[in-house]
Amino acid sequence: MVYIAWFILALASINFLVSLVNLLSFHVLPEGSIGQEPLVSVLIPARNEETNIENILTDLLRIPYRNLEVLVYNDESTDHTEQIVRVFEKKDRRFRLLSGAPLLPLYTGKNHACDQLASEAKGEYFLFLDADVRLKETLIESALSQLVKKQLALLSIFPVQVMKTVGEKMSVPLMNWILLSLLPMPLIRQSRRASLAAANGQFMLFPAGIYRKFRFHQLFKGHTVEDVAIIRYLKKNGEHVDTFLGNDNISCRMYDGLGHAIEGFSKNIFLFFGNSIALTLMYSILITLAPFFIVLYLPPIGWIVYALLILIMRVNISLASRQAVFQNLFYLVPQQIVFLFIIAKAVHNRITGKLIWKDRNILDI
């Protein structure tokens, strides 16, 4: 048991060091400009997004980068998504609504929508956005500048997360906690290892030629975590990729409560651990029981070191993620409990083969 306690302390030290690298590397998208304005196709899948779609389209309307085409795929929405997009079509000829076709076999809804959008896109670059993302004026040009400058096949961003309810504050920070304590972000571009990669489907920018060559959303049509699958596939094929943390230029309210957050994160929690249920369970049990092992089997100095490592790691991740430090420290224990609920839900989904998302079972494909 003593060896397990020392192992836990070593693991906490590694997590701390990774979080420190991610804070000090300041891996956010730099400001940039591009001389000419190549056509960028902004591609937005939308299924029952009446509460979000007007905001993102308004943001795009205000962006000074003018050479855009904005395609919205109405994926059989039953709310007012279509009517809202039609208003923007009338305001600006760059905006166009695509009426969704019935879901093809073996596709998840989002992958089908993105594949259909790409088939209609005419730009030199494809930018896939989720409908709940908010953009500031310079973001698209800065992303395009970085993509061209670094000759990237994919540039992705983790937006700053907007959290309004207590449930969101107990759940949404978990994504960055796991990501920024396990993956040094600079290695996404610097390392050739495909496992050292993460992307976020909320913002994915491709050169059109690269996208058309691989047709990623068709290639991974049944994948529930297609963003990670795509970036790892590109690295395996020797392409340069990069993923940034968001700053004031991009934000998103992923979920509107605890239930949606648990449901949403249960789709992809295993991917953080090599898609292994066993490894995920082992890690979650270990870090949950860690304080008991530390207190029972290490001297008091070990308790102090462990507590400092955990607290400072959370501070590092909060600062790197542009999240409230004291809020995340206050919810540290509830977040750990929610983490266990997410894993339990993910295991249940795997056993039953059922995960309802946007009124579809995305595991039954």
Protein backbone atom coordinates (compact mmCIF):
# COMPACT_ATOMS: atom_id res chain seq x y z
CA MET A 1 0.00 0.00 0.00
CA VAL A 2 2.93 2.31 0.68
CA TYR A 3 4.10 1.83 -2.90
CA ILE A 4 0.64 2.76 -4.18
CA ALA A 5 0.75 5.94 -2.08
CA TRP A 6 4.16 6.89 -3.52
CA PHE A 7 2.88 6.10 -7.02
CA ILE A 8 -0.08 8.44 -6.46
CA LEU A 9 2.27 11.19 -5.33
CA ALA A 10 4.44 10.66 -8.42
CA LEU A 11 1.35 10.77 -10.64
CA ALA A 12 0.23 14.02 -9.02
CA SER A 13 3.69 15.43 -9.67
CA ILE A 14 3.45 14.54 -13.35
CA ASN A 15 -0.03 16.06 -13.61
CA PHE A 16 1.28 19.21 -11.93
CA LEU A 17 4.23 19.48 -14.32
CA VAL A 18 2.00 19.01 -17.37
CA SER A 19 -0.35 21.72 -16.11
CA LEU A 20 2.61 24.03 -15.53
CA VAL A 21 3.87 23.47 -19.08
CA ASN A 22 0.42 24.27 -20.43
CA LEU A 23 0.24 27.47 -18.40
CA LEU A 24 3.74 28.72 -19.17
CA SER A 25 3.65 27.79 -22.86
CA PHE A 26 0.72 30.20 -23.28
CA HIS A 27 -0.61 28.03 -26.09
CA VAL A 28 -3.29 30.41 -27.34
CA LEU A 29 -3.87 31.51 -30.91
CA PRO A 30 -1.65 34.52 -31.69
CA GLU A 31 -3.05 37.56 -33.43
CA GLY A 32 -2.28 37.56 -37.14
CA SER A 33 -3.34 38.92 -40.48
CA ILE A 34 -3.25 37.69 -44.04
CA GLY A 35 -2.61 39.83 -47.13
CA GLN A 36 -5.19 38.53 -49.53
CA GLU A 37 -8.56 37.20 -48.40
CA PRO A 38 -9.06 33.67 -49.77
CA LEU A 39 -12.62 32.37 -49.63
CA VAL A 40 -13.37 30.66 -46.31
CA SER A 41 -16.38 28.35 -46.10
CA VAL A 42 -17.87 28.55 -42.61
CA LEU A 43 -19.81 25.32 -42.08
CA ILE A 44 -22.31 25.04 -39.23
CA PRO A 45 -24.36 21.89 -38.49
CA ALA A 46 -27.55 22.84 -36.66
CA ARG A 47 -30.19 20.62 -35.10
CA ASN A 48 -32.72 22.44 -32.91
CA GLU A 49 -30.37 25.37 -32.28
CA GLU A 50 -32.89 28.22 -32.07
CA THR A 51 -31.32 29.47 -28.82
CA ASN A 52 -27.81 29.68 -30.35
CA ILE A 53 -27.90 30.09 -34.11
CA GLU A 54 -28.78 33.79 -34.17
CA ASN A 55 -25.80 34.65 -31.97
CA ILE A 56 -23.19 32.88 -34.08
CA LEU A 57 -24.61 34.21 -37.34
CA THR A 58 -24.67 37.74 -35.92
CA ASP A 59 -21.01 37.34 -34.93
CA LEU A 60 -20.15 36.22 -38.47
CA LEU A 61 -22.09 39.13 -39.95
CA ARG A 62 -19.93 41.58 -37.99
CA ILE A 63 -16.54 40.03 -38.76
CA PRO A 64 -14.41 42.37 -40.93
CA TYR A 65 -13.04 39.41 -42.93
CA ARG A 66 -15.54 39.64 -45.79
CA ASN A 67 -14.64 36.79 -48.14
CA LEU A 68 -16.81 34.19 -46.42
CA GLU A 69 -19.57 31.86 -47.39
CA VAL A 70 -21.63 30.74 -44.42
CA LEU A 71 -23.50 27.47 -44.87
CA VAL A 72 -25.89 26.24 -42.19
CA TYR A 73 -27.16 22.67 -42.40
CA ASN A 74 -30.61 22.40 -40.88
CA ASP A 75 -30.52 18.83 -39.60
CA GLU A 76 -34.26 18.11 -39.45
CA SER A 77 -34.85 20.69 -36.72
CA THR A 78 -38.29 20.82 -35.14
CA ASP A 79 -37.86 24.30 -33.62
CA HIS A 80 -37.34 27.73 -35.28
CA THR A 81 -33.77 27.14 -36.49
CA GLU A 82 -34.78 27.28 -40.17
CA GLN A 83 -36.77 30.50 -39.85
CA ILE A 84 -33.92 32.27 -38.05
CA VAL A 85 -31.37 31.30 -40.70
CA ARG A 86 -33.76 32.42 -43.47
CA VAL A 87 -33.68 35.93 -42.00
CA PHE A 88 -29.90 36.02 -42.38
CA GLU A 89 -30.15 34.71 -45.94
CA LYS A 90 -32.21 37.77 -46.79
CA LYS A 91 -29.79 40.13 -45.01
CA ASP A 92 -26.58 38.89 -46.65
CA ARG A 93 -26.06 36.84 -49.80
CA ARG A 94 -23.05 35.10 -48.19
CA PHE A 95 -25.42 33.17 -45.90
CA ARG A 96 -27.15 30.03 -47.13
CA LEU A 97 -29.37 27.42 -45.53
CA LEU A 98 -29.09 23.78 -46.54
CA SER A 99 -32.13 21.65 -45.84
CA GLY A 100 -31.15 18.40 -44.17
CA ALA A 101 -31.69 15.03 -45.79
CA PRO A 102 -32.62 11.88 -43.83
CA LEU A 103 -29.67 10.48 -41.89
CA LEU A 104 -27.68 7.99 -43.94
CA PRO A 105 -26.91 4.54 -42.48
CA LEU A 106 -23.80 4.21 -40.26
CA TYR A 107 -23.48 8.00 -39.81
CA THR A 108 -23.82 9.96 -36.60
CA GLY A 109 -25.95 13.06 -37.07
CA LYS A 110 -23.12 15.58 -36.81
CA ASN A 111 -20.78 13.69 -39.14
CA HIS A 112 -23.55 13.39 -41.73
CA ALA A 113 -24.31 17.12 -41.46
CA CYS A 114 -20.63 18.09 -41.77
CA ASP A 115 -20.14 15.78 -44.75
CA GLN A 116 -23.13 17.35 -46.51
CA LEU A 117 -21.84 20.84 -45.75
CA ALA A 118 -18.40 20.05 -47.14
CA SER A 119 -19.98 18.73 -50.35
CA GLU A 120 -21.57 22.16 -50.92
CA ALA A 121 -18.62 24.30 -49.84
CA LYS A 122 -16.64 26.27 -52.42
CA GLY A 123 -13.96 27.90 -50.28
CA GLU A 124 -10.19 27.46 -50.24
CA TYR A 125 -10.51 26.76 -46.52
CA PHE A 126 -13.20 24.96 -44.53
CA LEU A 127 -14.05 26.17 -41.03
CA PHE A 128 -16.39 23.90 -39.08
CA LEU A 129 -18.12 25.65 -36.18
CA ASP A 130 -20.67 24.48 -33.64
CA ALA A 131 -23.78 26.61 -33.42
CA ASP A 132 -23.17 27.49 -29.76
CA VAL A 133 -19.77 29.13 -30.38
CA ARG A 134 -19.29 32.92 -30.11
CA LEU A 135 -16.58 34.67 -32.13
CA LYS A 136 -14.86 38.04 -31.92
CA GLU A 137 -13.89 40.09 -34.96
CA THR A 138 -10.27 39.03 -35.54
CA LEU A 139 -10.50 35.30 -34.86
CA ILE A 140 -10.99 33.90 -38.34
CA GLU A 141 -8.19 35.96 -39.88
CA SER A 142 -5.81 35.08 -37.02
CA ALA A 143 -6.60 31.37 -37.35
CA LEU A 144 -6.16 31.48 -41.11
CA SER A 145 -2.87 33.35 -40.74
CA GLN A 146 -1.52 30.72 -38.34
CA LEU A 147 -2.73 27.84 -40.50
CA VAL A 148 -0.94 29.25 -43.57
CA LYS A 149 2.20 30.34 -41.71
CA LYS A 150 2.74 26.95 -40.04
CA GLN A 151 1.49 24.94 -43.06
CA LEU A 152 -1.05 23.10 -40.93
CA ALA A 153 -3.53 20.53 -42.16
CA LEU A 154 -5.79 21.29 -39.20
CA LEU A 155 -6.05 24.08 -36.66
CA SER A 156 -8.45 23.58 -33.77
CA ILE A 157 -9.34 25.64 -30.70
CA PHE A 158 -10.81 24.86 -27.29
CA PRO A 159 -13.06 27.89 -26.65
CA VAL A 160 -13.33 29.59 -23.29
CA GLN A 161 -16.30 27.93 -21.61
CA VAL A 162 -19.22 30.00 -20.36
CA MET A 163 -20.80 28.52 -17.22
CA LYS A 164 -23.98 29.94 -15.70
CA THR A 165 -25.52 27.27 -13.46
CA VAL A 166 -24.02 25.47 -10.49
CA GLY A 167 -24.29 22.21 -12.43
CA GLU A 168 -22.16 23.62 -15.23
CA LYS A 169 -19.55 24.88 -12.76
CA MET A 170 -19.33 21.38 -11.28
CA SER A 171 -18.96 19.65 -14.65
CA VAL A 172 -17.69 21.75 -17.56
CA PRO A 173 -14.21 22.47 -16.07
CA LEU A 174 -13.57 18.71 -16.04
CA MET A 175 -12.78 18.74 -19.77
CA ASN A 176 -9.85 21.12 -19.35
CA TRP A 177 -8.81 19.55 -16.05
CA ILE A 178 -8.29 16.19 -17.76
CA LEU A 179 -6.86 17.65 -20.97
CA LEU A 180 -4.38 20.06 -19.38
CA SER A 181 -3.13 17.67 -16.70
CA LEU A 182 -2.46 14.80 -19.12
CA LEU A 183 -1.48 16.38 -22.46
CA PRO A 184 1.26 19.02 -22.92
CA MET A 185 -0.40 21.16 -25.61
CA PRO A 186 2.82 22.17 -27.45
CA LEU A 187 3.44 18.49 -28.25
CA ILE A 188 0.34 18.40 -30.45
CA ARG A 189 2.35 20.20 -33.12
CA GLN A 190 5.90 19.31 -32.08
CA SER A 191 5.54 15.55 -31.55
CA ARG A 192 4.88 12.99 -34.28
CA ARG A 193 3.09 10.66 -31.89
CA ALA A 194 -0.56 10.42 -32.88
CA SER A 195 -1.60 9.72 -29.28
CA LEU A 196 -0.32 13.18 -28.28
CA ALA A 197 -3.18 14.98 -29.97
CA ALA A 198 -6.55 16.47 -29.14
CA ALA A 199 -8.93 18.62 -31.14
CA ASN A 200 -12.28 20.25 -30.56
CA GLY A 201 -15.09 19.96 -33.09
CA GLN A 202 -16.42 23.33 -31.96
CA PHE A 203 -13.70 24.97 -34.10
CA MET A 204 -11.81 23.07 -36.81
CA LEU A 205 -10.11 24.84 -39.73
CA PHE A 206 -8.76 22.87 -42.73
CA PRO A 207 -7.27 23.72 -46.10
CA ALA A 208 -10.00 22.63 -48.49
CA GLY A 209 -7.58 20.49 -50.49
CA ILE A 210 -6.64 18.46 -47.41
CA TYR A 211 -10.26 18.03 -46.42
CA ARG A 212 -11.40 16.99 -49.90
CA LYS A 213 -8.54 14.49 -50.11
CA PHE A 214 -9.59 12.61 -46.97
CA ARG A 215 -13.31 13.53 -46.54
CA PHE A 216 -12.89 13.21 -42.79
CA HIS A 217 -16.53 13.21 -41.72
CA GLN A 218 -17.22 10.46 -44.23
CA LEU A 219 -14.09 8.57 -43.19
CA PHE A 220 -15.16 8.68 -39.53
CA LYS A 221 -18.88 8.73 -40.19
CA GLY A 222 -19.82 6.50 -37.26
CA HIS A 223 -17.32 7.93 -34.78
CA THR A 224 -18.80 9.73 -31.77
CA VAL A 225 -15.54 11.63 -31.13
CA GLU A 226 -14.63 12.46 -34.70
CA ASP A 227 -12.53 15.53 -33.82
CA VAL A 228 -9.93 13.48 -31.93
CA ALA A 229 -10.05 10.72 -34.56
CA ILE A 230 -9.39 13.26 -37.34
CA ILE A 231 -6.41 14.97 -35.74
CA ARG A 232 -4.78 11.66 -34.82
CA TYR A 233 -5.35 10.36 -38.35
CA LEU A 234 -3.65 13.43 -39.78
CA LYS A 235 -0.65 12.99 -37.49
CA LYS A 236 -0.37 9.34 -38.49
CA ASN A 237 -0.25 10.50 -42.10
CA GLY A 238 2.61 12.90 -41.40
CA GLU A 239 0.58 16.12 -41.54
CA HIS A 240 1.24 19.12 -39.29
CA VAL A 241 -1.59 20.00 -36.91
CA ASP A 242 -2.10 22.24 -33.91
CA THR A 243 -4.70 22.91 -31.24
CA PHE A 244 -4.90 26.07 -29.17
CA LEU A 245 -6.57 27.13 -25.97
CA GLY A 246 -9.16 29.85 -26.36
CA ASN A 247 -8.82 33.45 -25.30
CA ASP A 248 -11.18 36.43 -25.41
CA ASN A 249 -11.74 35.84 -29.15
CA ILE A 250 -13.80 32.66 -28.80
CA SER A 251 -16.21 31.32 -26.22
CA CYS A 252 -18.92 28.69 -25.95
CA ARG A 253 -21.61 27.56 -23.56
CA MET A 254 -21.38 23.83 -24.13
CA TYR A 255 -24.16 22.66 -21.86
CA ASP A 256 -27.03 24.32 -20.04
CA GLY A 257 -27.00 22.17 -16.93
CA LEU A 258 -25.51 19.21 -15.09
CA GLY A 259 -27.59 16.53 -16.80
CA HIS A 260 -26.63 17.63 -20.31
CA ALA A 261 -22.99 17.91 -19.27
CA ILE A 262 -22.84 14.37 -17.89
CA GLU A 263 -24.59 13.07 -21.01
CA GLY A 264 -22.25 15.02 -23.30
CA PHE A 265 -18.97 14.18 -21.61
CA SER A 266 -19.90 10.50 -21.40
CA LYS A 267 -19.56 10.42 -25.21
CA ASN A 268 -15.82 11.00 -25.14
CA ILE A 269 -14.39 10.39 -21.66
CA PHE A 270 -12.69 7.12 -22.67
CA LEU A 271 -10.76 8.86 -25.48
CA PHE A 272 -8.68 10.71 -22.88
CA PHE A 273 -7.45 7.30 -21.69
CA GLY A 274 -6.69 5.53 -24.94
CA ASN A 275 -10.32 4.46 -25.40
CA SER A 276 -9.78 1.93 -22.61
CA ILE A 277 -12.58 1.38 -20.09
CA ALA A 278 -10.19 -0.45 -17.77
CA LEU A 279 -7.62 2.35 -17.78
CA THR A 280 -10.33 4.98 -17.26
CA LEU A 281 -11.77 3.10 -14.30
CA MET A 282 -8.35 2.50 -12.79
CA TYR A 283 -7.38 6.18 -13.09
CA SER A 284 -10.70 7.42 -11.66
CA ILE A 285 -10.60 5.05 -8.69
CA LEU A 286 -6.97 5.85 -8.00
CA ILE A 287 -7.37 9.64 -7.92
CA THR A 288 -10.63 9.37 -5.94
CA LEU A 289 -9.03 7.23 -3.23
CA ALA A 290 -5.72 9.10 -3.43
CA PRO A 291 -6.20 11.25 -0.29
CA PHE A 292 -6.85 8.15 1.82
CA PHE A 293 -3.69 6.39 0.58
CA ILE A 294 -1.64 9.55 1.10
CA VAL A 295 -2.87 10.15 4.65
CA LEU A 296 -2.67 6.51 5.75
CA TYR A 297 0.66 5.50 4.25
CA LEU A 298 2.83 8.63 3.85
CA PRO A 299 4.38 10.92 6.48
CA PRO A 300 2.80 14.37 7.06
CA ILE A 301 5.22 16.04 4.64
CA GLY A 302 3.74 13.79 1.94
CA TRP A 303 0.25 15.05 2.78
CA ILE A 304 1.40 18.65 2.42
CA VAL A 305 3.23 18.05 -0.85
CA TYR A 306 0.26 16.19 -2.33
CA ALA A 307 -2.23 18.88 -1.30
CA LEU A 308 -0.04 21.64 -2.75
CA LEU A 309 0.43 19.75 -6.01
CA ILE A 310 -3.33 19.27 -6.45
CA LEU A 311 -4.23 22.84 -5.53
CA ILE A 312 -1.53 24.51 -7.64
CA MET A 313 -2.34 22.20 -10.57
CA ARG A 314 -5.98 23.35 -10.42
CA VAL A 315 -4.82 26.98 -10.30
CA ASN A 316 -2.57 26.43 -13.33
CA ILE A 317 -5.38 24.81 -15.33
CA SER A 318 -7.91 27.48 -14.35
CA LEU A 319 -5.57 30.27 -15.44
CA ALA A 320 -4.66 28.54 -18.71
CA SER A 321 -8.37 27.91 -19.42
CA ARG A 322 -9.48 31.46 -18.54
CA GLN A 323 -11.68 30.07 -15.77
CA ALA A 324 -12.34 31.47 -12.29
CA VAL A 325 -9.63 30.11 -9.98
CA PHE A 326 -11.51 30.31 -6.68
CA GLN A 327 -14.64 28.90 -8.28
CA ASN A 328 -12.79 25.80 -9.45
CA LEU A 329 -11.11 25.37 -6.06
CA PHE A 330 -14.47 25.72 -4.32
CA TYR A 331 -16.02 23.04 -6.53
CA LEU A 332 -12.98 20.72 -6.47
CA VAL A 333 -14.70 17.91 -4.52
CA PRO A 334 -18.06 18.16 -6.37
CA GLN A 335 -16.18 18.08 -9.68
CA GLN A 336 -14.51 14.84 -8.62
CA ILE A 337 -17.90 13.33 -7.77
CA VAL A 338 -19.34 14.45 -11.12
CA PHE A 339 -16.31 12.92 -12.84
CA LEU A 340 -17.29 9.55 -11.34
CA PHE A 341 -20.89 10.00 -12.50
CA ILE A 342 -19.66 10.71 -16.04
CA ILE A 343 -17.58 7.54 -16.08
CA ALA A 344 -20.46 5.49 -14.67
CA LYS A 345 -22.73 6.90 -17.38
CA ALA A 346 -20.14 6.14 -20.07
CA VAL A 347 -19.77 2.54 -18.88
CA HIS A 348 -23.55 2.17 -18.82
CA ASN A 349 -23.71 3.51 -22.39
CA ARG A 350 -21.13 0.97 -23.56
CA ILE A 351 -22.95 -1.92 -21.91
CA THR A 352 -26.40 -0.98 -23.22
CA GLY A 353 -25.21 0.36 -26.59
CA LYS A 354 -27.43 3.38 -26.07
CA LEU A 355 -26.62 7.10 -25.85
CA ILE A 356 -29.34 9.52 -26.87
CA TRP A 357 -28.00 12.82 -28.19
CA LYS A 358 -30.12 15.33 -30.11
CA ASP A 359 -32.96 12.76 -30.02
CA ARG A 360 -30.83 10.10 -31.73
CA ASN A 361 -29.05 7.05 -30.41
CA ILE A 362 -25.50 7.79 -31.53
CA LEU A 363 -24.17 4.41 -30.37
CA ASP A 364 -26.65 2.40 -32.45
CA ILE A 365 -24.90 2.74 -35.82
